[in-house]
Amino acid sequence: MKRRLTIPVFLVLSGIPSSSQTPGASAPVFAITPADSSVKFSVKASVALTGDFNKWDSTLTCTSTDPATCVLDLKVQADSVNSGSGMKDGKLKSKDFFNVKENPFITFKSTKVAQSGPDTFDVVGIFTIRGVSKAETLTLKGTRGTEGGEVKGQMAFDRREYGMTSGIPFIKIADRVEVSVDLKAKRVSGPALVLK
């Protein structure tokens, strides 16, 4: 079943112009720096279960100034999970959860970007965790500004739909997993995106 993933975004793409401006011949190039960004998760549980991933990479690639030509790609190293507890990390890395030995990456790759409003976008993509892939839709919102930018967002999914049906010893955990992202982005070259 396709679910909608809503991400509130504070994104500065070096002055996004309106469609009344003529786009340049080249495409914009964006850089997202993991060192200044984060991917975190939380699950309601009898004992706090939160954490982040220390190793991941994300790219935003466009072939023109039309946002519809852009592709968002996020690739997380599952074994870089850090919950602050060695016991919890070991369980999350095991075959009951991420199964990192057979499925080392957690990914999202967009397949379609559609502008749904003056500064909002529906981004359809494939989310994959522990070898299970499902279509998800991200709803993005952008704000205009100057150099540099920040993308903050949240998503939620049912871990059981991805084959994570086990629990953690002595800890009662919910099925709903919430993920938050904080991405620092910068347009390093090329023209700005052109919004409708």
N, C-alpha and C. Protein backbone atom coordinates (compact mmCIF):
# COMPACT_ATOMS: atom_id res chain seq x y z
N MET A 1 0.84 -1.18 0.00
CA MET A 1 0.00 0.00 0.00
C MET A 1 0.88 1.24 0.00
N LYS A 2 0.61 2.17 -0.89
CA LYS A 2 1.38 3.41 -0.99
C LYS A 2 0.98 4.35 0.13
N ARG A 3 1.99 4.90 0.82
CA ARG A 3 1.71 5.81 1.92
C ARG A 3 2.27 7.18 1.57
N ARG A 4 1.75 8.19 2.20
CA ARG A 4 2.23 9.56 1.98
C ARG A 4 3.19 9.94 3.09
N LEU A 5 4.32 10.44 2.71
CA LEU A 5 5.36 10.84 3.63
C LEU A 5 5.47 12.35 3.57
N THR A 6 5.21 13.01 4.68
CA THR A 6 5.18 14.47 4.70
C THR A 6 6.45 15.01 5.32
N ILE A 7 7.15 15.88 4.57
CA ILE A 7 8.37 16.49 5.06
C ILE A 7 8.26 18.00 4.97
N PRO A 8 8.16 18.72 6.11
CA PRO A 8 8.22 20.16 6.07
C PRO A 8 9.65 20.56 5.71
N VAL A 9 9.83 21.47 4.79
CA VAL A 9 11.16 21.77 4.30
C VAL A 9 11.47 23.24 4.44
N PHE A 10 12.67 23.55 4.92
CA PHE A 10 13.19 24.90 4.90
C PHE A 10 14.40 24.83 4.00
N LEU A 11 14.19 25.09 2.72
CA LEU A 11 15.21 24.84 1.72
C LEU A 11 15.56 26.12 1.00
N VAL A 12 16.81 26.47 1.00
CA VAL A 12 17.28 27.66 0.31
C VAL A 12 18.08 27.21 -0.89
N LEU A 13 17.57 27.48 -2.09
CA LEU A 13 18.24 27.04 -3.30
C LEU A 13 18.78 28.23 -4.07
N SER A 14 19.49 29.08 -3.33
CA SER A 14 20.17 30.23 -3.91
C SER A 14 19.24 31.09 -4.75
N GLY A 15 18.12 31.47 -4.18
CA GLY A 15 17.21 32.39 -4.85
C GLY A 15 16.41 31.72 -5.92
N ILE A 16 15.37 30.96 -5.57
CA ILE A 16 14.54 30.27 -6.55
C ILE A 16 13.65 31.28 -7.23
N PRO A 17 13.77 31.46 -8.55
CA PRO A 17 12.96 32.45 -9.24
C PRO A 17 11.59 31.92 -9.59
N SER A 18 10.70 32.80 -9.98
CA SER A 18 9.40 32.38 -10.46
C SER A 18 9.51 31.99 -11.92
N SER A 19 8.43 31.40 -12.49
CA SER A 19 8.47 30.92 -13.86
C SER A 19 8.53 32.04 -14.87
N SER A 20 8.35 33.30 -14.42
CA SER A 20 8.43 34.41 -15.35
C SER A 20 9.86 34.70 -15.76
N GLN A 21 10.83 34.11 -15.02
CA GLN A 21 12.22 34.29 -15.36
C GLN A 21 12.66 33.22 -16.34
N THR A 22 13.52 33.57 -17.26
CA THR A 22 13.98 32.63 -18.26
C THR A 22 15.05 31.73 -17.68
N PRO A 23 14.87 30.40 -17.72
CA PRO A 23 15.86 29.50 -17.16
C PRO A 23 17.12 29.48 -18.00
N GLY A 24 18.26 29.21 -17.37
CA GLY A 24 19.51 29.13 -18.09
C GLY A 24 19.61 27.85 -18.88
N ALA A 25 20.63 27.76 -19.70
CA ALA A 25 20.79 26.58 -20.56
C ALA A 25 21.30 25.39 -19.78
N SER A 26 22.03 25.63 -18.69
CA SER A 26 22.60 24.54 -17.92
C SER A 26 21.71 24.18 -16.75
N ALA A 27 22.08 23.12 -16.03
CA ALA A 27 21.30 22.65 -14.90
C ALA A 27 21.97 23.06 -13.60
N PRO A 28 21.19 23.27 -12.55
CA PRO A 28 21.77 23.58 -11.24
C PRO A 28 22.45 22.35 -10.64
N VAL A 29 23.49 22.59 -9.86
CA VAL A 29 24.20 21.52 -9.17
C VAL A 29 24.14 21.81 -7.67
N PHE A 30 23.65 20.83 -6.91
CA PHE A 30 23.49 20.99 -5.47
C PHE A 30 24.43 20.07 -4.71
N ALA A 31 24.87 20.51 -3.53
CA ALA A 31 25.71 19.70 -2.65
C ALA A 31 25.02 19.58 -1.30
N ILE A 32 24.91 18.35 -0.80
CA ILE A 32 24.37 18.09 0.53
C ILE A 32 25.49 17.51 1.36
N THR A 33 25.79 18.12 2.50
CA THR A 33 26.94 17.71 3.30
C THR A 33 26.51 16.94 4.55
N PRO A 34 26.75 15.63 4.59
CA PRO A 34 26.38 14.82 5.76
C PRO A 34 27.01 15.31 7.05
N ALA A 35 28.21 15.91 6.97
CA ALA A 35 28.89 16.37 8.18
C ALA A 35 28.08 17.43 8.92
N ASP A 36 27.28 18.18 8.18
CA ASP A 36 26.46 19.24 8.78
C ASP A 36 24.99 18.85 8.87
N SER A 37 24.68 17.59 8.58
CA SER A 37 23.30 17.14 8.50
C SER A 37 23.09 15.91 9.38
N SER A 38 21.86 15.41 9.43
CA SER A 38 21.59 14.23 10.25
C SER A 38 20.39 13.45 9.75
N VAL A 39 20.40 12.15 10.03
CA VAL A 39 19.27 11.27 9.79
C VAL A 39 19.02 10.53 11.09
N LYS A 40 17.85 10.77 11.71
CA LYS A 40 17.56 10.20 13.02
C LYS A 40 16.27 9.38 12.99
N PHE A 41 16.08 8.56 14.03
CA PHE A 41 14.88 7.75 14.13
C PHE A 41 14.44 7.67 15.59
N SER A 42 13.16 7.35 15.77
CA SER A 42 12.63 7.13 17.12
C SER A 42 11.46 6.17 17.04
N VAL A 43 11.32 5.37 18.09
CA VAL A 43 10.22 4.41 18.21
C VAL A 43 9.67 4.50 19.62
N LYS A 44 8.36 4.57 19.76
CA LYS A 44 7.77 4.55 21.09
C LYS A 44 8.03 3.18 21.71
N ALA A 45 8.54 3.19 22.93
CA ALA A 45 8.92 1.95 23.58
C ALA A 45 8.88 2.12 25.09
N SER A 46 8.91 0.98 25.81
CA SER A 46 8.92 1.03 27.27
C SER A 46 10.23 1.62 27.78
N VAL A 47 11.27 1.54 26.96
CA VAL A 47 12.55 2.17 27.23
C VAL A 47 12.89 3.02 26.01
N ALA A 48 13.39 4.22 26.21
CA ALA A 48 13.65 5.11 25.09
C ALA A 48 14.43 4.42 23.97
N LEU A 49 13.92 4.52 22.75
CA LEU A 49 14.58 3.92 21.60
C LEU A 49 14.68 4.98 20.51
N THR A 50 15.78 5.69 20.54
CA THR A 50 16.05 6.73 19.56
C THR A 50 17.50 6.60 19.11
N GLY A 51 17.84 7.24 18.00
CA GLY A 51 19.21 7.19 17.54
C GLY A 51 19.38 7.87 16.21
N ASP A 52 20.57 7.71 15.65
CA ASP A 52 20.85 8.27 14.34
C ASP A 52 21.76 7.33 13.56
N PHE A 53 22.13 7.76 12.36
CA PHE A 53 23.04 7.00 11.52
C PHE A 53 24.27 7.87 11.27
N ASN A 54 25.45 7.30 11.53
CA ASN A 54 26.68 8.08 11.42
C ASN A 54 27.22 8.15 10.00
N LYS A 55 26.81 7.22 9.14
CA LYS A 55 27.35 7.18 7.78
C LYS A 55 26.21 7.12 6.76
N TRP A 56 26.11 8.13 5.92
CA TRP A 56 25.10 8.17 4.88
C TRP A 56 25.49 9.23 3.85
N ASP A 57 24.81 9.19 2.73
CA ASP A 57 25.08 10.15 1.66
C ASP A 57 23.77 10.49 0.98
N SER A 58 23.66 11.73 0.49
CA SER A 58 22.45 12.15 -0.21
C SER A 58 22.82 13.07 -1.36
N THR A 59 22.10 12.94 -2.47
CA THR A 59 22.34 13.82 -3.62
C THR A 59 21.01 14.32 -4.16
N LEU A 60 21.05 15.51 -4.73
CA LEU A 60 19.92 16.08 -5.45
C LEU A 60 20.44 16.43 -6.84
N THR A 61 20.02 15.66 -7.84
CA THR A 61 20.53 15.81 -9.20
C THR A 61 19.42 16.28 -10.13
N CYS A 62 19.68 17.33 -10.90
CA CYS A 62 18.69 17.88 -11.83
C CYS A 62 19.31 17.97 -13.22
N THR A 63 18.49 17.76 -14.24
CA THR A 63 18.98 17.86 -15.62
C THR A 63 18.59 19.18 -16.26
N SER A 64 17.79 19.98 -15.57
CA SER A 64 17.42 21.30 -16.05
C SER A 64 16.95 22.13 -14.87
N THR A 65 16.46 23.33 -15.12
CA THR A 65 15.95 24.18 -14.04
C THR A 65 14.52 23.82 -13.63
N ASP A 66 13.92 22.84 -14.29
CA ASP A 66 12.58 22.37 -13.96
C ASP A 66 12.69 21.37 -12.82
N PRO A 67 12.05 21.62 -11.66
CA PRO A 67 12.14 20.69 -10.53
C PRO A 67 11.69 19.28 -10.88
N ALA A 68 10.85 19.13 -11.90
CA ALA A 68 10.37 17.80 -12.29
C ALA A 68 11.50 16.92 -12.81
N THR A 69 12.63 17.51 -13.18
CA THR A 69 13.75 16.73 -13.69
C THR A 69 14.73 16.33 -12.59
N CYS A 70 14.44 16.70 -11.34
CA CYS A 70 15.35 16.42 -10.24
C CYS A 70 15.12 15.03 -9.65
N VAL A 71 16.19 14.44 -9.15
CA VAL A 71 16.14 13.14 -8.48
C VAL A 71 16.81 13.27 -7.12
N LEU A 72 16.08 12.90 -6.07
CA LEU A 72 16.61 12.89 -4.71
C LEU A 72 17.00 11.47 -4.37
N ASP A 73 18.25 11.28 -3.94
CA ASP A 73 18.78 9.95 -3.64
C ASP A 73 19.40 9.98 -2.25
N LEU A 74 18.92 9.09 -1.36
CA LEU A 74 19.45 9.00 0.00
C LEU A 74 19.91 7.57 0.25
N LYS A 75 21.15 7.41 0.69
CA LYS A 75 21.73 6.09 0.91
C LYS A 75 22.38 6.05 2.29
N VAL A 76 21.83 5.24 3.19
CA VAL A 76 22.27 5.15 4.57
C VAL A 76 22.96 3.81 4.81
N GLN A 77 24.11 3.81 5.48
CA GLN A 77 24.77 2.57 5.87
C GLN A 77 24.10 2.07 7.14
N ALA A 78 23.37 0.97 7.01
CA ALA A 78 22.55 0.48 8.12
C ALA A 78 23.38 0.14 9.36
N ASP A 79 24.61 -0.35 9.16
CA ASP A 79 25.41 -0.73 10.32
C ASP A 79 26.03 0.45 11.05
N SER A 80 25.73 1.68 10.58
CA SER A 80 26.23 2.87 11.28
C SER A 80 25.21 3.38 12.29
N VAL A 81 24.17 2.59 12.56
CA VAL A 81 23.14 2.99 13.51
C VAL A 81 23.76 3.21 14.89
N ASN A 82 23.30 4.25 15.57
CA ASN A 82 23.83 4.58 16.88
C ASN A 82 22.69 5.01 17.79
N SER A 83 22.29 4.11 18.68
CA SER A 83 21.21 4.40 19.62
C SER A 83 21.73 4.76 20.99
N GLY A 84 23.05 4.71 21.14
CA GLY A 84 23.64 4.98 22.44
C GLY A 84 23.73 3.76 23.33
N SER A 85 23.28 2.61 22.80
CA SER A 85 23.31 1.36 23.55
C SER A 85 23.86 0.26 22.65
N GLY A 86 24.94 -0.38 23.08
CA GLY A 86 25.51 -1.48 22.31
C GLY A 86 24.54 -2.63 22.13
N MET A 87 23.76 -2.91 23.16
CA MET A 87 22.79 -4.00 23.08
C MET A 87 21.71 -3.70 22.05
N LYS A 88 21.18 -2.48 22.08
CA LYS A 88 20.14 -2.09 21.12
C LYS A 88 20.69 -2.06 19.70
N ASP A 89 21.90 -1.50 19.54
CA ASP A 89 22.51 -1.44 18.21
C ASP A 89 22.70 -2.84 17.64
N GLY A 90 23.17 -3.77 18.47
CA GLY A 90 23.38 -5.13 18.02
C GLY A 90 22.09 -5.77 17.56
N LYS A 91 21.00 -5.52 18.29
CA LYS A 91 19.71 -6.09 17.92
C LYS A 91 19.20 -5.46 16.62
N LEU A 92 19.34 -4.15 16.49
CA LEU A 92 18.88 -3.46 15.29
C LEU A 92 19.66 -3.91 14.05
N LYS A 93 20.93 -4.24 14.21
CA LYS A 93 21.74 -4.70 13.09
C LYS A 93 21.47 -6.16 12.72
N SER A 94 20.82 -6.90 13.61
CA SER A 94 20.61 -8.34 13.41
C SER A 94 19.58 -8.63 12.32
N LYS A 95 19.43 -9.91 12.00
CA LYS A 95 18.49 -10.32 10.95
C LYS A 95 17.04 -10.04 11.33
N ASP A 96 16.77 -9.80 12.62
CA ASP A 96 15.41 -9.49 13.05
C ASP A 96 14.98 -8.09 12.65
N PHE A 97 15.97 -7.22 12.43
CA PHE A 97 15.64 -5.83 12.08
C PHE A 97 16.32 -5.46 10.75
N PHE A 98 17.43 -4.73 10.78
CA PHE A 98 18.03 -4.24 9.54
C PHE A 98 18.70 -5.34 8.72
N ASN A 99 19.14 -6.41 9.40
CA ASN A 99 19.83 -7.51 8.72
C ASN A 99 20.99 -6.95 7.87
N VAL A 100 21.91 -6.25 8.54
CA VAL A 100 22.93 -5.49 7.83
C VAL A 100 23.90 -6.35 7.03
N LYS A 101 24.09 -7.60 7.41
CA LYS A 101 25.03 -8.44 6.68
C LYS A 101 24.54 -8.72 5.26
N GLU A 102 23.23 -8.90 5.12
CA GLU A 102 22.66 -9.17 3.80
C GLU A 102 22.12 -7.92 3.12
N ASN A 103 21.79 -6.91 3.91
CA ASN A 103 21.21 -5.68 3.37
C ASN A 103 21.89 -4.48 4.02
N PRO A 104 23.07 -4.12 3.52
CA PRO A 104 23.88 -3.09 4.19
C PRO A 104 23.36 -1.66 4.06
N PHE A 105 22.40 -1.42 3.15
CA PHE A 105 21.96 -0.05 2.93
C PHE A 105 20.46 0.13 3.11
N ILE A 106 20.09 1.31 3.61
CA ILE A 106 18.71 1.78 3.65
C ILE A 106 18.64 2.94 2.66
N THR A 107 17.71 2.89 1.71
CA THR A 107 17.74 3.88 0.64
C THR A 107 16.36 4.46 0.33
N PHE A 108 16.40 5.65 -0.23
CA PHE A 108 15.22 6.25 -0.85
C PHE A 108 15.69 6.91 -2.13
N LYS A 109 15.01 6.59 -3.24
CA LYS A 109 15.34 7.22 -4.51
C LYS A 109 14.06 7.66 -5.20
N SER A 110 13.95 8.94 -5.49
CA SER A 110 12.73 9.46 -6.09
C SER A 110 12.60 9.01 -7.55
N THR A 111 11.38 8.82 -7.98
CA THR A 111 11.09 8.44 -9.36
C THR A 111 10.25 9.49 -10.07
N LYS A 112 9.66 10.41 -9.31
CA LYS A 112 8.84 11.45 -9.91
C LYS A 112 8.73 12.63 -8.96
N VAL A 113 8.90 13.83 -9.49
CA VAL A 113 8.74 15.05 -8.71
C VAL A 113 7.68 15.90 -9.38
N ALA A 114 6.60 16.19 -8.66
CA ALA A 114 5.51 16.99 -9.22
C ALA A 114 5.24 18.18 -8.31
N GLN A 115 5.24 19.39 -8.89
CA GLN A 115 4.94 20.58 -8.12
C GLN A 115 3.44 20.63 -7.87
N SER A 116 3.05 20.67 -6.59
CA SER A 116 1.65 20.63 -6.22
C SER A 116 1.11 21.98 -5.78
N GLY A 117 2.00 22.96 -5.62
CA GLY A 117 1.61 24.30 -5.21
C GLY A 117 2.74 25.26 -5.49
N PRO A 118 2.58 26.52 -5.11
CA PRO A 118 3.62 27.52 -5.39
C PRO A 118 5.00 27.13 -4.85
N ASP A 119 5.04 26.45 -3.71
CA ASP A 119 6.33 26.06 -3.13
C ASP A 119 6.28 24.66 -2.52
N THR A 120 5.38 23.81 -3.02
CA THR A 120 5.26 22.44 -2.51
C THR A 120 5.42 21.43 -3.63
N PHE A 121 5.90 20.23 -3.26
CA PHE A 121 6.16 19.18 -4.24
C PHE A 121 5.76 17.82 -3.69
N ASP A 122 5.21 16.98 -4.55
CA ASP A 122 4.98 15.57 -4.23
C ASP A 122 6.11 14.79 -4.88
N VAL A 123 6.88 14.09 -4.07
CA VAL A 123 8.03 13.34 -4.55
C VAL A 123 7.77 11.86 -4.34
N VAL A 124 7.54 11.15 -5.42
CA VAL A 124 7.29 9.70 -5.36
C VAL A 124 8.63 8.99 -5.48
N GLY A 125 8.85 7.98 -4.67
CA GLY A 125 10.11 7.25 -4.74
C GLY A 125 10.01 5.87 -4.14
N ILE A 126 11.12 5.15 -4.19
CA ILE A 126 11.19 3.80 -3.64
C ILE A 126 12.02 3.83 -2.36
N PHE A 127 11.40 3.41 -1.25
CA PHE A 127 12.08 3.31 0.03
C PHE A 127 12.40 1.84 0.27
N THR A 128 13.66 1.55 0.59
CA THR A 128 14.11 0.17 0.79
C THR A 128 14.81 0.02 2.12
N ILE A 129 14.39 -0.98 2.91
CA ILE A 129 15.05 -1.29 4.18
C ILE A 129 14.98 -2.80 4.37
N ARG A 130 16.08 -3.38 4.82
CA ARG A 130 16.29 -4.82 4.99
C ARG A 130 15.84 -5.62 3.76
N GLY A 131 16.07 -5.05 2.57
CA GLY A 131 15.78 -5.76 1.32
C GLY A 131 14.35 -5.67 0.85
N VAL A 132 13.50 -4.96 1.59
CA VAL A 132 12.10 -4.80 1.20
C VAL A 132 11.90 -3.39 0.66
N SER A 133 11.29 -3.28 -0.53
CA SER A 133 11.09 -1.99 -1.18
C SER A 133 9.61 -1.69 -1.34
N LYS A 134 9.24 -0.45 -1.04
CA LYS A 134 7.86 -0.01 -1.21
C LYS A 134 7.84 1.43 -1.73
N ALA A 135 6.79 1.74 -2.50
CA ALA A 135 6.64 3.11 -3.00
C ALA A 135 6.16 4.02 -1.87
N GLU A 136 6.79 5.18 -1.77
CA GLU A 136 6.41 6.18 -0.78
C GLU A 136 6.30 7.53 -1.48
N THR A 137 5.55 8.44 -0.89
CA THR A 137 5.44 9.79 -1.43
C THR A 137 5.85 10.81 -0.38
N LEU A 138 6.81 11.64 -0.75
CA LEU A 138 7.24 12.72 0.14
C LEU A 138 6.56 14.01 -0.31
N THR A 139 6.03 14.75 0.63
CA THR A 139 5.47 16.06 0.33
C THR A 139 6.45 17.11 0.83
N LEU A 140 7.04 17.85 -0.11
CA LEU A 140 8.08 18.81 0.23
C LEU A 140 7.57 20.24 0.12
N LYS A 141 8.07 21.10 0.97
CA LYS A 141 7.75 22.52 0.90
C LYS A 141 9.03 23.33 0.94
N GLY A 142 9.18 24.27 0.00
CA GLY A 142 10.39 25.06 -0.07
C GLY A 142 10.13 26.53 0.18
N THR A 143 11.12 27.23 0.73
CA THR A 143 11.03 28.67 0.91
C THR A 143 12.22 29.32 0.20
N ARG A 144 11.98 30.47 -0.43
CA ARG A 144 13.04 31.15 -1.18
C ARG A 144 14.00 31.88 -0.25
N GLY A 145 15.26 31.99 -0.72
CA GLY A 145 16.25 32.66 0.08
C GLY A 145 17.55 32.86 -0.67
N THR A 146 18.65 32.95 0.07
CA THR A 146 19.96 33.17 -0.54
C THR A 146 20.79 31.90 -0.46
N GLU A 147 22.14 32.03 -0.59
CA GLU A 147 23.02 30.87 -0.63
C GLU A 147 22.82 29.96 0.58
N GLY A 148 22.90 28.66 0.33
CA GLY A 148 22.79 27.69 1.40
C GLY A 148 21.35 27.32 1.69
N GLY A 149 21.15 26.22 2.40
CA GLY A 149 19.79 25.82 2.69
C GLY A 149 19.73 24.67 3.68
N GLU A 150 18.55 24.47 4.25
CA GLU A 150 18.34 23.40 5.21
C GLU A 150 17.01 22.73 4.93
N VAL A 151 17.04 21.40 4.90
CA VAL A 151 15.83 20.62 4.67
C VAL A 151 15.55 19.83 5.94
N LYS A 152 14.42 20.11 6.57
CA LYS A 152 14.02 19.36 7.76
C LYS A 152 12.78 18.57 7.45
N GLY A 153 12.75 17.33 7.82
CA GLY A 153 11.59 16.53 7.49
C GLY A 153 11.38 15.35 8.41
N GLN A 154 10.19 14.78 8.32
CA GLN A 154 9.84 13.60 9.11
C GLN A 154 9.05 12.62 8.26
N MET A 155 9.22 11.36 8.54
CA MET A 155 8.44 10.32 7.89
C MET A 155 8.14 9.24 8.92
N ALA A 156 7.19 8.40 8.62
CA ALA A 156 6.86 7.29 9.50
C ALA A 156 6.49 6.07 8.67
N PHE A 157 6.87 4.89 9.15
CA PHE A 157 6.50 3.66 8.46
C PHE A 157 6.27 2.55 9.48
N ASP A 158 5.54 1.54 9.08
CA ASP A 158 5.25 0.39 9.92
C ASP A 158 6.35 -0.64 9.72
N ARG A 159 7.12 -0.91 10.74
CA ARG A 159 8.27 -1.81 10.60
C ARG A 159 7.85 -3.22 10.18
N ARG A 160 6.65 -3.63 10.57
CA ARG A 160 6.20 -4.97 10.22
C ARG A 160 5.98 -5.13 8.72
N GLU A 161 5.64 -4.05 8.04
CA GLU A 161 5.46 -4.11 6.60
C GLU A 161 6.78 -4.36 5.87
N TYR A 162 7.88 -4.13 6.59
CA TYR A 162 9.20 -4.36 6.02
C TYR A 162 9.86 -5.60 6.62
N GLY A 163 9.07 -6.46 7.24
CA GLY A 163 9.57 -7.73 7.74
C GLY A 163 10.22 -7.67 9.11
N MET A 164 10.13 -6.53 9.81
CA MET A 164 10.72 -6.41 11.13
C MET A 164 9.64 -6.69 12.18
N THR A 165 9.38 -7.96 12.41
CA THR A 165 8.26 -8.38 13.25
C THR A 165 8.69 -8.77 14.66
N SER A 166 9.99 -8.83 14.92
CA SER A 166 10.48 -9.23 16.23
C SER A 166 10.56 -8.05 17.18
N GLY A 167 10.83 -8.34 18.43
CA GLY A 167 10.99 -7.30 19.43
C GLY A 167 12.42 -7.28 19.94
N ILE A 168 12.65 -6.50 20.98
CA ILE A 168 13.95 -6.43 21.65
C ILE A 168 13.75 -6.96 23.07
N PRO A 169 14.61 -7.86 23.52
CA PRO A 169 14.44 -8.45 24.86
C PRO A 169 14.21 -7.42 25.95
N PHE A 170 13.15 -7.64 26.72
CA PHE A 170 12.80 -6.82 27.89
C PHE A 170 12.35 -5.40 27.53
N ILE A 171 12.14 -5.14 26.24
CA ILE A 171 11.69 -3.81 25.81
C ILE A 171 10.46 -3.97 24.91
N LYS A 172 9.38 -3.33 25.27
CA LYS A 172 8.17 -3.35 24.45
C LYS A 172 8.23 -2.17 23.48
N ILE A 173 8.19 -2.47 22.19
CA ILE A 173 8.32 -1.40 21.19
C ILE A 173 7.11 -1.36 20.26
N ALA A 174 6.79 -0.17 19.78
CA ALA A 174 5.67 0.01 18.86
C ALA A 174 6.08 -0.39 17.45
N ASP A 175 5.09 -0.51 16.57
CA ASP A 175 5.35 -0.86 15.18
C ASP A 175 5.73 0.37 14.36
N ARG A 176 5.27 1.53 14.78
CA ARG A 176 5.51 2.75 14.03
C ARG A 176 6.92 3.28 14.28
N VAL A 177 7.64 3.50 13.20
CA VAL A 177 9.00 4.06 13.27
C VAL A 177 8.97 5.45 12.66
N GLU A 178 9.46 6.43 13.39
CA GLU A 178 9.50 7.80 12.89
C GLU A 178 10.94 8.17 12.55
N VAL A 179 11.10 8.76 11.38
CA VAL A 179 12.42 9.15 10.90
C VAL A 179 12.43 10.66 10.66
N SER A 180 13.48 11.33 11.10
CA SER A 180 13.62 12.76 10.85
C SER A 180 14.93 13.01 10.13
N VAL A 181 14.89 13.95 9.20
CA VAL A 181 16.10 14.31 8.46
C VAL A 181 16.34 15.81 8.58
N ASP A 182 17.60 16.17 8.64
CA ASP A 182 18.01 17.57 8.66
C ASP A 182 19.17 17.67 7.68
N LEU A 183 18.88 18.12 6.47
CA LEU A 183 19.87 18.16 5.40
C LEU A 183 20.29 19.59 5.10
N LYS A 184 21.58 19.83 5.11
CA LYS A 184 22.12 21.12 4.71
C LYS A 184 22.47 21.04 3.22
N ALA A 185 21.88 21.91 2.40
CA ALA A 185 22.09 21.88 0.95
C ALA A 185 22.56 23.24 0.46
N LYS A 186 23.33 23.21 -0.62
CA LYS A 186 23.83 24.44 -1.22
C LYS A 186 23.91 24.28 -2.74
N ARG A 187 23.45 25.31 -3.47
CA ARG A 187 23.61 25.30 -4.93
C ARG A 187 25.03 25.78 -5.22
N VAL A 188 25.84 24.89 -5.76
CA VAL A 188 27.25 25.21 -5.95
C VAL A 188 27.55 25.75 -7.34
N SER A 189 26.68 25.48 -8.31
CA SER A 189 26.87 26.03 -9.65
C SER A 189 25.58 25.93 -10.44
N GLY A 190 25.57 26.56 -11.59
CA GLY A 190 24.39 26.52 -12.46
C GLY A 190 23.30 27.49 -12.03
N PRO A 191 22.26 27.59 -12.84
CA PRO A 191 21.14 28.50 -12.53
C PRO A 191 20.25 27.95 -11.43
N ALA A 192 19.40 28.78 -10.89
CA ALA A 192 18.45 28.36 -9.87
C ALA A 192 17.30 27.59 -10.49
N LEU A 193 16.63 26.79 -9.67
CA LEU A 193 15.43 26.11 -10.13
C LEU A 193 14.34 27.14 -10.45
N VAL A 194 13.47 26.82 -11.38
CA VAL A 194 12.38 27.71 -11.77
C VAL A 194 11.07 27.10 -11.32
N LEU A 195 10.37 27.78 -10.41
CA LEU A 195 9.09 27.32 -9.92
C LEU A 195 7.96 27.86 -10.78
N LYS A 196 6.86 27.13 -10.80
CA LYS A 196 5.69 27.56 -11.57
C LYS A 196 4.97 28.71 -10.84
